[in-house]
Structures are given as C-alpha cells and as structure tokens.
Protein backbone atom coordinates (compact mmCIF):
# COMPACT_ATOMS: atom_id res chain seq x y z
CA MET A 1 84.87 138.81 75.55
CA THR A 2 86.29 139.64 72.09
CA ARG A 3 87.01 135.98 71.18
CA THR A 4 84.19 133.55 71.72
CA PRO A 5 84.85 130.23 69.84
CA LEU A 6 82.07 127.71 69.74
CA VAL A 7 82.00 125.30 72.72
CA SER A 8 80.26 121.97 72.66
CA ILE A 9 78.81 121.21 76.08
CA ILE A 10 78.11 117.54 76.53
CA VAL A 11 75.76 116.44 79.38
CA LEU A 12 75.35 112.69 79.76
CA ASN A 13 72.02 111.62 81.24
CA TYR A 14 70.86 108.33 82.71
CA ASN A 15 67.71 108.59 84.77
CA GLY A 16 68.66 112.03 85.95
CA ILE A 17 65.13 113.44 86.37
CA LYS A 18 65.98 114.77 89.89
CA TYR A 19 68.85 116.92 88.53
CA ILE A 20 68.32 117.64 84.84
CA ASN A 21 66.15 120.81 85.20
CA ASN A 22 68.54 122.63 87.51
CA CYS A 23 71.59 121.53 85.50
CA LEU A 24 70.27 122.67 82.12
CA GLU A 25 68.80 125.91 83.45
CA SER A 26 72.14 126.92 84.92
CA VAL A 27 74.04 126.01 81.68
CA LEU A 28 71.61 127.99 79.51
CA LEU A 29 72.08 131.06 81.78
CA SER A 30 75.88 130.94 81.34
CA GLU A 31 77.44 134.35 80.59
CA TYR A 32 79.28 132.64 77.68
CA GLU A 33 76.67 132.24 75.04
CA ASN A 34 78.39 130.70 72.01
CA PHE A 35 77.87 127.08 72.77
CA GLU A 36 75.83 124.09 71.67
CA LEU A 37 74.38 121.91 74.39
CA ILE A 38 74.34 118.19 73.55
CA ILE A 39 72.31 115.92 75.85
CA VAL A 40 73.24 112.27 75.39
CA ASP A 41 70.71 109.98 76.99
CA ASN A 42 71.74 106.42 77.96
CA ASN A 43 68.32 104.88 77.49
CA SER A 44 66.72 106.49 80.54
CA THR A 45 63.43 105.08 81.84
CA ASP A 46 62.38 107.94 84.08
CA LYS A 47 60.96 110.30 81.36
CA SER A 48 63.83 112.74 81.84
CA VAL A 49 64.38 113.05 78.07
CA GLU A 50 60.69 113.76 77.45
CA PHE A 51 60.91 116.40 80.24
CA VAL A 52 63.79 118.10 78.46
CA GLU A 53 62.13 118.10 75.06
CA ASP A 54 58.83 119.56 76.59
CA THR A 55 60.53 122.12 78.79
CA PHE A 56 63.57 123.56 76.95
CA LYS A 57 63.10 125.16 73.52
CA ASP A 58 66.49 126.67 73.19
CA ALA A 59 67.90 126.29 69.69
CA ARG A 60 71.33 125.52 71.07
CA LEU A 61 70.12 122.30 72.58
CA ASN A 62 70.35 118.95 70.89
CA VAL A 63 69.20 115.56 72.32
CA ILE A 64 70.81 112.28 71.30
CA ARG A 65 69.14 109.03 72.47
CA ASN A 66 71.12 105.84 72.87
CA ASP A 67 69.26 102.50 72.62
CA THR A 68 71.18 101.06 75.60
CA ASN A 69 73.04 102.34 78.69
CA MET A 70 76.47 102.67 77.08
CA GLY A 71 78.18 103.84 80.29
CA PHE A 72 79.89 107.09 80.99
CA ALA A 73 82.86 106.61 78.67
CA ALA A 74 81.01 105.53 75.51
CA GLY A 75 78.11 107.91 76.14
CA ASN A 76 80.40 110.94 76.22
CA ASN A 77 82.18 109.62 73.14
CA ILE A 78 78.88 109.64 71.30
CA GLY A 79 78.45 113.27 72.28
CA VAL A 80 81.96 114.16 71.02
CA GLN A 81 81.22 112.56 67.61
CA ASN A 82 78.38 115.07 67.21
CA ALA A 83 80.31 118.09 68.60
CA LYS A 84 81.07 120.98 66.34
CA GLY A 85 82.92 123.21 68.77
CA LYS A 86 86.56 124.18 68.99
CA TYR A 87 86.32 123.20 72.64
CA VAL A 88 84.43 120.33 74.30
CA ALA A 89 83.04 120.75 77.87
CA LEU A 90 81.86 117.67 79.77
CA LEU A 91 79.34 118.10 82.54
CA ASN A 92 77.63 115.58 84.82
CA ILE A 93 73.88 115.79 85.02
CA ASP A 94 74.13 116.35 88.75
CA THR A 95 75.89 119.68 88.49
CA ILE A 96 74.90 123.35 88.59
CA VAL A 97 77.27 125.82 86.99
CA ASP A 98 78.13 129.41 87.95
CA ARG A 99 77.31 131.96 85.30
CA MET A 100 81.02 132.65 84.63
CA TRP A 101 82.20 129.06 84.68
CA LEU A 102 82.78 128.75 80.92
CA THR A 103 83.95 132.35 80.37
CA GLU A 104 86.84 131.94 82.81
CA ILE A 105 88.09 128.70 81.31
CA ILE A 106 87.84 129.67 77.62
CA LEU A 107 89.71 132.90 78.37
CA LEU A 108 92.54 130.88 79.81
CA LEU A 109 92.57 128.22 77.10
CA GLU A 110 92.55 130.88 74.31
CA SER A 111 95.53 132.59 75.97
CA ASP A 112 97.71 129.49 76.57
CA VAL A 113 98.04 126.79 73.96
CA THR A 114 100.10 124.57 76.29
CA ILE A 115 96.94 123.83 78.30
CA GLY A 116 95.11 120.67 77.02
CA VAL A 117 92.49 120.24 79.75
CA ALA A 118 91.04 122.58 82.41
CA GLN A 119 88.92 121.77 85.42
CA PRO A 120 86.75 124.22 87.33
CA LYS A 121 86.61 124.45 91.09
CA LEU A 122 84.20 121.69 92.00
CA LEU A 123 82.26 122.28 95.17
CA SER A 124 79.61 120.12 96.82
CA LEU A 125 76.08 120.80 95.69
CA ASP A 126 74.82 119.90 99.18
CA ASP A 127 77.24 122.23 101.00
CA ARG A 128 78.75 124.80 98.69
CA SER A 129 81.56 125.55 101.11
CA ILE A 130 82.98 122.02 100.83
CA PHE A 131 85.22 120.78 97.99
CA ASP A 132 84.12 118.01 95.68
CA SER A 133 87.45 118.24 93.90
CA ALA A 134 90.21 120.78 93.41
CA GLY A 135 91.99 118.44 91.04
CA ASP A 136 92.38 114.66 90.88
CA TYR A 137 95.59 112.72 91.41
CA LEU A 138 96.99 109.15 91.27
CA ASP A 139 99.65 107.58 93.33
CA TYR A 140 102.22 105.42 91.63
CA PHE A 141 100.13 102.26 92.25
CA GLY A 142 96.98 103.84 90.74
CA LEU A 143 95.17 104.86 93.86
CA PRO A 144 92.95 107.87 92.98
CA ILE A 145 92.59 110.83 95.38
CA CYS A 146 90.76 114.09 94.68
CA ARG A 147 92.29 117.09 96.37
CA GLY A 148 89.96 118.50 98.99
CA GLY A 149 87.07 116.28 98.07
CA SER A 150 88.50 112.98 99.44
CA TRP A 151 88.42 114.44 102.98
CA PHE A 152 85.56 116.90 102.68
CA GLU A 153 87.79 119.98 103.02
CA ARG A 154 86.18 123.44 103.46
CA ASP A 155 87.01 126.06 100.79
CA THR A 156 88.80 128.96 102.44
CA GLY A 157 90.67 130.09 99.34
CA GLN A 158 93.63 127.71 99.89
CA TYR A 159 93.47 126.49 96.28
CA ASP A 160 92.63 129.80 94.62
CA THR A 161 95.46 129.82 92.11
CA ILE A 162 95.70 128.37 88.66
CA GLN A 163 97.74 125.23 89.09
CA GLU A 164 98.83 122.16 87.18
CA ILE A 165 97.11 119.00 88.40
CA PHE A 166 97.33 115.38 87.40
CA SER A 167 93.80 115.05 86.13
CA ALA A 168 90.59 116.99 85.65
CA ARG A 169 87.43 115.33 86.91
CA GLY A 170 84.99 114.11 84.27
CA ALA A 171 82.13 115.72 86.14
CA ALA A 172 83.31 119.10 84.75
CA LEU A 173 86.19 119.50 82.38
CA VAL A 174 86.96 121.45 79.24
CA THR A 175 89.36 120.27 76.52
CA ARG A 176 90.26 121.08 72.96
CA LYS A 177 88.52 119.26 70.14
CA GLU A 178 91.84 118.97 68.29
CA ILE A 179 93.31 117.01 71.18
CA ILE A 180 90.37 114.58 71.14
CA SER A 181 90.90 114.15 67.44
CA ALA A 182 94.56 113.35 68.02
CA ILE A 183 94.42 110.98 71.04
CA GLY A 184 90.71 110.15 71.51
CA LEU A 185 88.53 110.94 74.52
CA PHE A 186 87.47 108.09 76.75
CA ASP A 187 88.22 104.32 76.30
CA ASN A 188 84.90 102.55 75.90
CA ASP A 189 86.16 99.50 77.80
CA TYR A 190 86.09 101.58 81.01
CA PHE A 191 82.29 101.92 81.03
CA LEU A 192 82.54 104.10 84.14
CA ASP A 193 85.28 105.28 86.52
CA PHE A 194 88.92 106.15 85.78
CA GLU A 195 88.19 107.22 82.18
CA ASP A 196 89.01 110.86 83.05
CA LEU A 197 92.27 109.90 84.70
CA ASP A 198 93.27 107.81 81.76
CA PHE A 199 92.37 110.64 79.32
CA CYS A 200 94.31 113.26 81.19
CA TRP A 201 97.33 110.96 81.52
CA ARG A 202 97.28 110.60 77.75
CA VAL A 203 96.97 114.40 77.35
CA LYS A 204 100.09 114.79 79.45
CA LEU A 205 101.90 112.12 77.41
CA TYR A 206 100.91 114.08 74.34
CA GLY A 207 102.73 117.07 75.73
CA LYS A 208 99.83 119.25 77.03
CA ARG A 209 99.10 120.46 80.52
CA VAL A 210 96.12 119.83 82.77
CA VAL A 211 95.20 122.77 85.02
CA PHE A 212 92.76 123.71 87.83
CA VAL A 213 90.92 126.96 87.26
CA PRO A 214 89.50 128.18 90.61
CA SER A 215 87.73 131.22 89.11
CA SER A 216 85.43 128.82 87.24
CA ILE A 217 83.00 127.22 89.68
CA VAL A 218 80.71 124.22 89.34
CA TYR A 219 78.65 122.63 92.05
CA HIS A 220 78.47 118.79 91.97
CA LYS A 221 76.23 116.48 93.85
CA GLY A 222 78.70 113.62 93.48
CA ALA A 223 77.44 110.03 93.51
CA GLY A 224 74.04 111.47 92.60
CA ILE A 225 73.68 109.24 89.59
CA SER A 226 76.52 106.72 90.25
CA SER A 227 74.85 105.75 93.60
CA GLN A 228 72.07 104.22 91.50
CA ASN A 229 74.48 101.83 89.76
CA SER A 230 74.72 98.24 90.92
CA LEU A 231 77.22 97.11 93.51
CA ALA A 232 78.98 95.02 90.89
CA LEU A 233 79.52 97.97 88.52
CA LYS A 234 80.84 100.15 91.32
CA ASN A 235 83.33 97.55 92.40
CA ILE A 236 84.48 95.74 89.27
CA HIS A 237 85.19 98.80 87.06
CA PRO A 238 87.40 100.81 89.52
CA THR A 239 89.82 97.84 90.00
CA LYS A 240 89.77 96.82 86.33
CA ASN A 241 90.21 100.38 85.08
CA SER A 242 92.98 101.29 87.52
CA ILE A 243 95.12 98.33 86.36
CA MET A 244 94.32 99.02 82.77
CA THR A 245 95.21 102.70 83.08
CA LEU A 246 98.70 101.81 84.51
CA ILE A 247 99.39 99.14 81.87
CA LYS A 248 98.45 101.49 78.99
CA ASN A 249 100.26 104.64 80.07
CA TYR A 250 103.42 103.72 82.01
CA ASN A 251 106.71 102.89 80.31
CA THR A 252 107.80 99.21 80.55
CA PHE A 253 109.85 99.57 83.70
CA HIS A 254 107.17 101.45 85.68
CA MET A 255 104.38 99.26 84.32
CA ILE A 256 106.12 96.12 85.72
CA LYS A 257 107.00 97.81 88.94
CA TYR A 258 103.71 99.49 89.81
CA ALA A 259 101.09 97.55 87.87
CA ILE A 260 102.12 94.01 86.99
CA LEU A 261 104.13 92.85 90.01
CA PRO A 262 101.91 94.38 92.75
CA HIS A 263 98.65 93.08 91.31
CA LEU A 264 100.00 89.64 90.51
CA PHE A 265 101.22 89.49 94.14
CA ALA A 266 97.85 90.60 95.44
CA PHE A 267 95.94 88.15 93.23
CA PHE A 268 97.99 85.00 93.66
CA THR A 269 98.61 85.45 97.42
CA GLY A 270 95.11 86.69 98.17
CA PHE A 271 96.50 89.82 99.79
CA PHE A 272 93.71 91.90 98.33
CA VAL A 273 91.32 90.03 100.59
CA LEU A 274 93.21 91.32 103.62
CA GLU A 275 93.24 94.77 102.09
CA VAL A 276 89.41 94.74 101.85
CA PHE A 277 89.15 94.15 105.58
CA LEU A 278 91.87 96.51 106.61
CA MET A 279 90.40 99.37 104.49
CA LYS A 280 87.06 98.91 106.26
CA ARG A 281 85.16 98.43 103.00
CA GLU A 282 81.44 97.74 102.99
CA ASN A 283 79.97 94.56 101.58
CA LYS A 284 83.30 92.80 102.08
CA LEU A 285 82.46 89.42 100.60
CA ALA A 286 80.84 90.89 97.57
CA ASN A 287 83.75 93.31 97.15
CA ILE A 288 86.22 90.39 97.18
CA LYS A 289 84.21 88.55 94.51
CA PHE A 290 84.06 91.61 92.28
CA ARG A 291 87.81 92.23 92.65
CA VAL A 292 88.47 88.67 91.47
CA GLN A 293 86.21 89.34 88.50
CA ALA A 294 88.21 92.51 87.70
CA TYR A 295 91.50 90.61 87.77
CA LEU A 296 90.04 87.87 85.52
CA TRP A 297 88.87 90.55 83.05
CA ILE A 298 92.47 91.81 82.83
CA LEU A 299 93.83 88.35 82.28
CA ARG A 300 91.33 87.45 79.63
CA ASN A 301 91.86 90.72 77.70
CA ILE A 302 95.65 90.94 77.91
CA ARG A 303 96.03 90.98 74.14
CA ARG A 304 93.48 93.71 73.88
CA LEU A 305 95.41 95.74 76.47
CA HIS A 306 98.63 95.15 74.59
CA THR A 307 97.05 96.77 71.50
CA LYS A 308 95.89 99.77 73.59
CA ARG A 309 99.26 100.10 75.20
CA LYS A 310 100.99 100.04 71.81
CA GLU A 311 98.82 102.88 70.54
CA VAL A 312 99.65 105.08 73.55
CA GLN A 313 103.36 104.27 73.66
CA HIS A 314 104.10 104.55 69.93
CA ASN A 315 101.56 107.11 68.65
CA ILE A 316 100.78 109.37 71.61
CA ARG A 317 103.82 109.49 73.97
CA LYS A 318 106.00 112.57 73.62
CA VAL A 319 106.86 113.01 77.35
CA SER A 320 108.86 110.79 79.72
CA ASP A 321 107.44 109.17 82.84
CA SER A 322 109.75 111.26 84.95
CA GLU A 323 107.84 114.39 83.88
CA ILE A 324 104.43 112.77 84.29
CA MET A 325 105.21 111.45 87.75
CA LYS A 326 105.99 114.98 89.03
CA CYS A 327 102.23 115.40 89.29
CA MET A 328 101.58 112.05 90.91
CA ILE A 329 101.53 111.16 94.58
CA LYS A 330 104.92 109.68 95.47
CA THR A 331 104.52 106.36 97.31
CA SER A 332 106.02 103.01 98.07
CA VAL A 333 104.89 99.75 99.65
CA TRP A 334 105.98 101.11 103.05
CA ARG A 335 104.03 104.37 102.56
CA VAL A 336 100.86 102.44 101.69
CA ALA A 337 101.36 100.18 104.78
CA ILE A 338 101.70 103.26 106.97
CA TRP A 339 98.56 104.73 105.38
CA ILE A 340 96.53 101.60 106.16
CA ILE A 341 97.80 101.70 109.70
CA ASN A 342 96.80 105.33 109.99
CA ILE A 343 93.32 104.46 108.81
CA GLN A 344 92.88 102.26 111.86
CA LYS A 345 94.33 104.95 114.11
CA GLU A 346 92.95 108.22 112.73
CA GLY A 347 90.06 107.34 110.42
CA LYS A 348 89.95 107.21 106.56
CA ASP A 349 89.52 110.92 105.88
CA LYS A 350 92.40 112.15 107.99
CA ALA A 351 94.69 109.37 106.84
CA LYS A 352 93.98 109.98 103.21
CA ARG A 353 94.71 113.72 103.57
CA SER A 354 98.09 112.95 105.23
CA TYR A 355 98.88 110.41 102.56
CA PHE A 356 98.17 112.90 99.79
CA VAL A 357 99.98 115.91 101.41
CA ASN A 358 103.07 113.86 102.25
CA GLY A 359 103.16 112.14 98.89
CA LEU A 360 102.66 115.28 96.81
CA SER A 361 105.25 117.25 98.78
CA HIS A 362 107.88 114.61 98.02
CA SER A 363 107.02 114.25 94.36
C-alpha cells in the first residue's frame, strides 16, 4: 500500500478471558501495520486485563480501564475519545480477523469519500462457512435482521460484491474519525444493542454511505460475551433502543406512523403480550415484564428523547426519509402478520429469511 493512514482499532473487553488472546494475536498480525490498538476494559473481574498487560508488549497497544461496566455504547465512546487515527475500527473481543481485513477496507475508504462506514464479511467463529452478518437491516417498524446471519446461511459467494447496506454491525466496522467528530458515535443511553443501527442511520442522514466489503473477513463468535449479560439487560435494551432509534431518526410523519402509534397500541392494548407468545420467545413472563419496563423508560424520558431527536433532525439530517428507506425492509402490519403466521408454519429461520428477501426486493 502506498497510503497507510493511522487507524485506531478499539476492542471493548468485559470478562473476555476466553477470547482476548486469539483476538489480539490476530489483530497484531494484520497486514496493515499503521494502527494503534486501544483496549477499553469495562471493569472486568476475570484477570483478562492483567493477562493482556503480561502477554502483549507491542508498542501499538494501549489499555484503558473503566471503573464500572459502562456498556457497549459508552465503552466504545471512551475508546474514541482516546483515538488518534484518521479512521476508527471497532472490534468485538470475540472476533478473529483475517490478515487482510483492514487493508481491504482502508483501500476502499481512501478511494471513495462518499463511504462513511464499512463492514467486513462477518462469518461464524464456530463454523467459518456460515454467515454471522453480511450487513444489518431494519424494517420500517424497527425490527432488526442481519443478512445471512439471522438464518445461518452458508457462504457460497452469493454476497461477494461491495454493496450498500443499511447498517454495519458493531462487532466489526470501520468509520472515519471526522464523521464521529461531526455526528458522534454511540448514544450512551443505549448501553447495549441497536447502537450500531442508530449510528449508521445517522451516518446516512449525514449524507454518507454504509457499505459491505466482502474481501475483508472477520470471524465472530456472536453472543460470546453478550450471553453472559443478565436476562433483564438482554430484553429491556432491545425494545427501548428500537423505539428510541425510530423516534430520533425518522421525520415526524414516519415517526408517528412506525414508532408512536404501533407502540402505543401495543402497550395500551397489551398486544405485545400476545406477540411474545406467538413469536415463541423463551422466558415469556420475564420477557413481558421487561418489555413493560422498556416502554416505561421511554415514557419517563420523553423530554430527553425530544432533545436527542432535535439534534438529529436539525443538525445532522441532510437526506430525506425516502432515500434512507430504500435500504430498509419494506413492510406493513399485514406483512408482519403473515410473517408471524409463517413462523408457526415454517419455523423462525425460514420465515425470517422470506420476510427479509420479500421486503428488500420491494423496497
């Protein structure tokens, strides 16, 4: 490479002793050498930080210790505050990178200033022929689906072209430091889940593209660390953050149509209780309780959300919803109903794939 700008690679760690050695070894063996590696530790108790400091003596490595578990969003934001690179790469601790992963993405970003965020091809760490994600998407109501990964699709080269996607997965993404300076990275109120979708939505509103780069490959355990989180965290934050993302980023018409009215209906009629049972979710009663807590958080923080929304709509938005929604999964109440019926008939994986393919082809 003739142009090798500095890249700040941020790896957030929380009790990742099972994964941290393989992750950092692979990063330090990257073909692209002009990087700093920032390990942000969220107050781990498993001696993983001590292991890093004793094992890795590379001058490019810097460890930042947080006094509490600040969550995925705030933890990565701490890393960004200490980043010196032109580009920022986020990696989960339960990943292993291919030697060329960073080279391929930086070459593309240096050649195309319209790209704001790039995601590698994410394959399963357990079975490297299976997708973890070939790009993440939202439907109009805020349902997240990761292409390939949501239905454990085998990689046969079907996604081997650079392509615009809705969102890059936070497990492995690269963005420009100047974009973060302009619109911020993650919203600290998210704690975990949906922060990457919210960020990439804002990137699009800012007028930059989000792309999938299949020649860059990262292997991801997926749920390797998040599976250790409490049932409450894993159920409250996805609902809360999904609603918050729609409220912040849609224009007024679409916010009312796809965020406010559907969730008010679900909350005051109790329809979300029926949804929990129809979707065959585990821990049904606990899930219902946590969904209520998520709705109450939104209601209690409505003024806070108004301030966040005002910032996005007045200071970030340069692009219309019609352009943003071209990369979303087209849907309606009837499409959702059909999808739920298909889950009962075909199983969750097959139904989700059909919902995604049909919705994207009509977008």
